[in-house]
Amino acid sequence: MSTQSQSTQFVLTVSGSAAKVLNNVYQSSGNITVNYAIAGSPATMSIALEGVANPKTGGANDYGAQSGFAAVLDTYSSTSSVSNRTIALNSVQYDSFNIIATWTGGKNVTVTGSVQTSGPGPTWSSATLTGYQSYTGA
């Protein structure tokens, strides 16, 4: 089985807002890597990364079928940018990740960053596909 990688960029410009990153490669073990670039000289900064797990995930590869419950995987509290911060997934299949930044002070504060994941990618079988289409041309 081959491994797929994904790097997703995000920008947060409002304190308390969230960016949602889908786990399209279905990574469930090892670490994900995040990068945060902080601009605007905030007085305080806290960035939480949450994993959102679907209650049905793991059963017949039902990825993303319903909203799940968020678990805080990491909190970064600094006004300095950081690269290659690794976060352990502890063998939990998360359907998506939320990045939530809250800050005080500063001017035109932004948090830009990326989340890198790698995993097996989607699997397809008769159990995961609900139907089929066929076409016979003239």
C-alpha atoms as a PDB file:
ATOM      1  CA  MET A   1       0.000   0.000   0.000  1.00  0.00           C
ATOM      2  CA  SER A   2       1.358   3.420  -0.913  1.00  0.00           C
ATOM      3  CA  THR A   3       1.362   6.469   1.332  1.00  0.00           C
ATOM      4  CA  GLN A   4      -0.163   9.790   0.363  1.00  0.00           C
ATOM      5  CA  SER A   5       0.764  13.187   1.795  1.00  0.00           C
ATOM      6  CA  GLN A   6      -1.209  16.373   2.144  1.00  0.00           C
ATOM      7  CA  SER A   7      -0.215  19.909   3.135  1.00  0.00           C
ATOM      8  CA  THR A   8      -3.067  22.318   3.810  1.00  0.00           C
ATOM      9  CA  GLN A   9      -2.560  26.069   4.258  1.00  0.00           C
ATOM     10  CA  PHE A  10      -4.731  28.310   6.461  1.00  0.00           C
ATOM     11  CA  VAL A  11      -4.994  31.969   7.511  1.00  0.00           C
ATOM     12  CA  LEU A  12      -6.697  33.247  10.679  1.00  0.00           C
ATOM     13  CA  THR A  13      -7.404  36.983  10.973  1.00  0.00           C
ATOM     14  CA  VAL A  14     -10.009  37.110  13.783  1.00  0.00           C
ATOM     15  CA  SER A  15      -9.205  36.078  17.359  1.00  0.00           C
ATOM     16  CA  GLY A  16     -11.253  33.036  18.346  1.00  0.00           C
ATOM     17  CA  SER A  17     -11.934  31.969  14.761  1.00  0.00           C
ATOM     18  CA  ALA A  18     -11.185  28.474  13.529  1.00  0.00           C
ATOM     19  CA  ALA A  19      -9.774  26.898  10.382  1.00  0.00           C
ATOM     20  CA  LYS A  20     -10.912  23.374   9.515  1.00  0.00           C
ATOM     21  CA  VAL A  21      -8.482  21.003   7.806  1.00  0.00           C
ATOM     22  CA  LEU A  22      -9.799  17.698   6.450  1.00  0.00           C
ATOM     23  CA  ASN A  23      -7.805  14.518   7.053  1.00  0.00           C
ATOM     24  CA  ASN A  24      -8.118  13.431   3.415  1.00  0.00           C
ATOM     25  CA  VAL A  25      -5.256  10.932   3.655  1.00  0.00           C
ATOM     26  CA  TYR A  26      -6.808   9.245   6.733  1.00  0.00           C
ATOM     27  CA  GLN A  27      -3.674   9.356   8.865  1.00  0.00           C
ATOM     28  CA  SER A  28      -4.319   7.696  12.229  1.00  0.00           C
ATOM     29  CA  SER A  29      -0.870   6.933  13.598  1.00  0.00           C
ATOM     30  CA  GLY A  30       2.401   8.749  14.048  1.00  0.00           C
ATOM     31  CA  ASN A  31       2.545  12.534  14.054  1.00  0.00           C
ATOM     32  CA  ILE A  32       1.161  15.404  12.059  1.00  0.00           C
ATOM     33  CA  THR A  33       3.292  18.500  11.557  1.00  0.00           C
ATOM     34  CA  VAL A  34       2.070  22.079  11.952  1.00  0.00           C
ATOM     35  CA  ASN A  35       3.654  25.442  11.193  1.00  0.00           C
ATOM     36  CA  TYR A  36       2.421  28.754  12.628  1.00  0.00           C
ATOM     37  CA  ALA A  37       3.591  32.169  11.357  1.00  0.00           C
ATOM     38  CA  ILE A  38       2.395  34.936  13.675  1.00  0.00           C
ATOM     39  CA  ALA A  39       2.339  38.563  12.480  1.00  0.00           C
ATOM     40  CA  GLY A  40       1.108  41.811  13.991  1.00  0.00           C
ATOM     41  CA  SER A  41       2.879  41.684  17.392  1.00  0.00           C
ATOM     42  CA  PRO A  42       0.083  40.326  19.614  1.00  0.00           C
ATOM     43  CA  ALA A  43       0.569  40.683  23.394  1.00  0.00           C
ATOM     44  CA  THR A  44      -0.627  37.109  23.992  1.00  0.00           C
ATOM     45  CA  MET A  45      -1.323  34.192  21.647  1.00  0.00           C
ATOM     46  CA  SER A  46      -2.767  30.722  22.143  1.00  0.00           C
ATOM     47  CA  ILE A  47      -3.324  28.280  19.276  1.00  0.00           C
ATOM     48  CA  ALA A  48      -5.244  25.065  19.893  1.00  0.00           C
ATOM     49  CA  LEU A  49      -5.277  22.149  17.480  1.00  0.00           C
ATOM     50  CA  GLU A  50      -8.282  19.859  17.869  1.00  0.00           C
ATOM     51  CA  GLY A  51      -8.896  16.475  16.304  1.00  0.00           C
ATOM     52  CA  VAL A  52     -12.501  15.791  15.306  1.00  0.00           C
ATOM     53  CA  ALA A  53     -13.301  12.084  15.326  1.00  0.00           C
ATOM     54  CA  ASN A  54     -16.429  10.716  13.733  1.00  0.00           C
ATOM     55  CA  PRO A  55     -18.261   8.325  16.084  1.00  0.00           C
ATOM     56  CA  LYS A  56     -18.661   5.875  13.192  1.00  0.00           C
ATOM     57  CA  THR A  57     -15.091   6.024  11.912  1.00  0.00           C
ATOM     58  CA  GLY A  58     -13.493   2.626  11.863  1.00  0.00           C
ATOM     59  CA  GLY A  59     -16.734   0.910  10.916  1.00  0.00           C
ATOM     60  CA  ALA A  60     -16.851   0.259   7.175  1.00  0.00           C
ATOM     61  CA  ASN A  61     -14.618   3.296   6.507  1.00  0.00           C
ATOM     62  CA  ASP A  62     -17.490   5.702   7.228  1.00  0.00           C
ATOM     63  CA  TYR A  63     -15.279   8.795   7.060  1.00  0.00           C
ATOM     64  CA  GLY A  64     -17.004  12.128   7.515  1.00  0.00           C
ATOM     65  CA  ALA A  65     -20.572  10.813   7.525  1.00  0.00           C
ATOM     66  CA  GLN A  66     -21.570  12.721  10.632  1.00  0.00           C
ATOM     67  CA  SER A  67     -20.116  15.390  12.839  1.00  0.00           C
ATOM     68  CA  GLY A  68     -17.956  14.131  15.655  1.00  0.00           C
ATOM     69  CA  PHE A  69     -16.459  15.233  18.906  1.00  0.00           C
ATOM     70  CA  ALA A  70     -13.406  17.485  19.186  1.00  0.00           C
ATOM     71  CA  ALA A  71     -10.425  16.596  21.373  1.00  0.00           C
ATOM     72  CA  VAL A  72      -7.631  19.095  22.023  1.00  0.00           C
ATOM     73  CA  LEU A  73      -4.431  17.498  20.720  1.00  0.00           C
ATOM     74  CA  ASP A  74      -2.061  20.416  21.277  1.00  0.00           C
ATOM     75  CA  THR A  75      -1.929  23.987  22.558  1.00  0.00           C
ATOM     76  CA  TYR A  76       0.812  26.394  21.520  1.00  0.00           C
ATOM     77  CA  SER A  77       1.097  29.499  23.722  1.00  0.00           C
ATOM     78  CA  SER A  78       3.667  31.943  22.374  1.00  0.00           C
ATOM     79  CA  THR A  79       3.775  35.089  20.265  1.00  0.00           C
ATOM     80  CA  SER A  80       6.677  33.669  18.231  1.00  0.00           C
ATOM     81  CA  SER A  81       6.284  31.735  14.999  1.00  0.00           C
ATOM     82  CA  VAL A  82       7.121  28.027  15.044  1.00  0.00           C
ATOM     83  CA  SER A  83       7.980  25.486  12.346  1.00  0.00           C
ATOM     84  CA  ASN A  84       7.706  21.703  12.268  1.00  0.00           C
ATOM     85  CA  ARG A  85       5.763  21.291  15.504  1.00  0.00           C
ATOM     86  CA  THR A  86       4.871  17.591  15.764  1.00  0.00           C
ATOM     87  CA  ILE A  87       1.639  16.351  17.314  1.00  0.00           C
ATOM     88  CA  ALA A  88       1.016  12.675  18.101  1.00  0.00           C
ATOM     89  CA  LEU A  89      -2.230  11.138  16.854  1.00  0.00           C
ATOM     90  CA  ASN A  90      -2.041   8.131  19.208  1.00  0.00           C
ATOM     91  CA  SER A  91      -3.723   5.766  16.732  1.00  0.00           C
ATOM     92  CA  VAL A  92      -6.985   7.735  16.640  1.00  0.00           C
ATOM     93  CA  GLN A  93      -8.685   8.287  13.280  1.00  0.00           C
ATOM     94  CA  TYR A  94      -9.599  11.982  13.086  1.00  0.00           C
ATOM     95  CA  ASP A  95     -11.783  13.066  10.188  1.00  0.00           C
ATOM     96  CA  SER A  96     -10.651  16.678  10.456  1.00  0.00           C
ATOM     97  CA  PHE A  97      -8.590  19.080  12.515  1.00  0.00           C
ATOM     98  CA  ASN A  98      -9.602  22.514  13.829  1.00  0.00           C
ATOM     99  CA  ILE A  99      -6.997  25.210  14.397  1.00  0.00           C
ATOM    100  CA  ILE A 100      -8.279  27.928  16.758  1.00  0.00           C
ATOM    101  CA  ALA A 101      -6.165  30.995  17.540  1.00  0.00           C
ATOM    102  CA  THR A 102      -6.995  33.500  20.286  1.00  0.00           C
ATOM    103  CA  TRP A 103      -4.930  36.587  21.051  1.00  0.00           C
ATOM    104  CA  THR A 104      -4.898  39.974  22.716  1.00  0.00           C
ATOM    105  CA  GLY A 105      -3.254  43.192  21.574  1.00  0.00           C
ATOM    106  CA  GLY A 106      -1.289  43.763  18.442  1.00  0.00           C
ATOM    107  CA  LYS A 107      -2.276  45.386  15.188  1.00  0.00           C
ATOM    108  CA  ASN A 108      -3.588  43.528  12.133  1.00  0.00           C
ATOM    109  CA  VAL A 109      -2.709  40.202  13.755  1.00  0.00           C
ATOM    110  CA  THR A 110      -2.710  37.144  11.500  1.00  0.00           C
ATOM    111  CA  VAL A 111      -1.790  33.522  11.974  1.00  0.00           C
ATOM    112  CA  THR A 112      -0.861  31.752   8.765  1.00  0.00           C
ATOM    113  CA  GLY A 113       0.246  28.180   8.718  1.00  0.00           C
ATOM    114  CA  SER A 114       0.046  24.697   7.373  1.00  0.00           C
ATOM    115  CA  VAL A 115      -0.802  21.191   8.524  1.00  0.00           C
ATOM    116  CA  GLN A 116       1.000  18.222   6.962  1.00  0.00           C
ATOM    117  CA  THR A 117      -0.480  14.742   7.121  1.00  0.00           C
ATOM    118  CA  SER A 118       0.438  11.450   5.485  1.00  0.00           C
ATOM    119  CA  GLY A 119      -1.513   8.223   5.367  1.00  0.00           C
ATOM    120  CA  PRO A 120      -2.861   5.439   3.190  1.00  0.00           C
ATOM    121  CA  GLY A 121      -5.504   7.541   1.418  1.00  0.00           C
ATOM    122  CA  PRO A 122      -9.108   6.485   0.887  1.00  0.00           C
ATOM    123  CA  THR A 123     -10.073   2.876   0.368  1.00  0.00           C
ATOM    124  CA  TRP A 124     -12.864   1.767  -1.892  1.00  0.00           C
ATOM    125  CA  SER A 125     -14.849  -1.435  -1.771  1.00  0.00           C
ATOM    126  CA  SER A 126     -18.372  -2.617  -2.358  1.00  0.00           C
ATOM    127  CA  ALA A 127     -19.076  -1.875   1.330  1.00  0.00           C
ATOM    128  CA  THR A 128     -18.099   1.790   1.031  1.00  0.00           C
ATOM    129  CA  LEU A 129     -19.723   2.529  -2.322  1.00  0.00           C
ATOM    130  CA  THR A 130     -23.510   2.653  -2.195  1.00  0.00           C
ATOM    131  CA  GLY A 131     -24.260   2.163  -5.855  1.00  0.00           C
ATOM    132  CA  TYR A 132     -22.882   2.201  -9.343  1.00  0.00           C
ATOM    133  CA  GLN A 133     -23.626   3.763 -12.670  1.00  0.00           C
ATOM    134  CA  SER A 134     -23.348   2.194 -16.054  1.00  0.00           C
ATOM    135  CA  TYR A 135     -23.537   3.574 -19.550  1.00  0.00           C
ATOM    136  CA  THR A 136     -23.775   1.841 -22.843  1.00  0.00           C
ATOM    137  CA  GLY A 137     -23.133   4.110 -25.765  1.00  0.00           C
ATOM    138  CA  ALA A 138     -24.680   3.796 -29.186  1.00  0.00           C
END
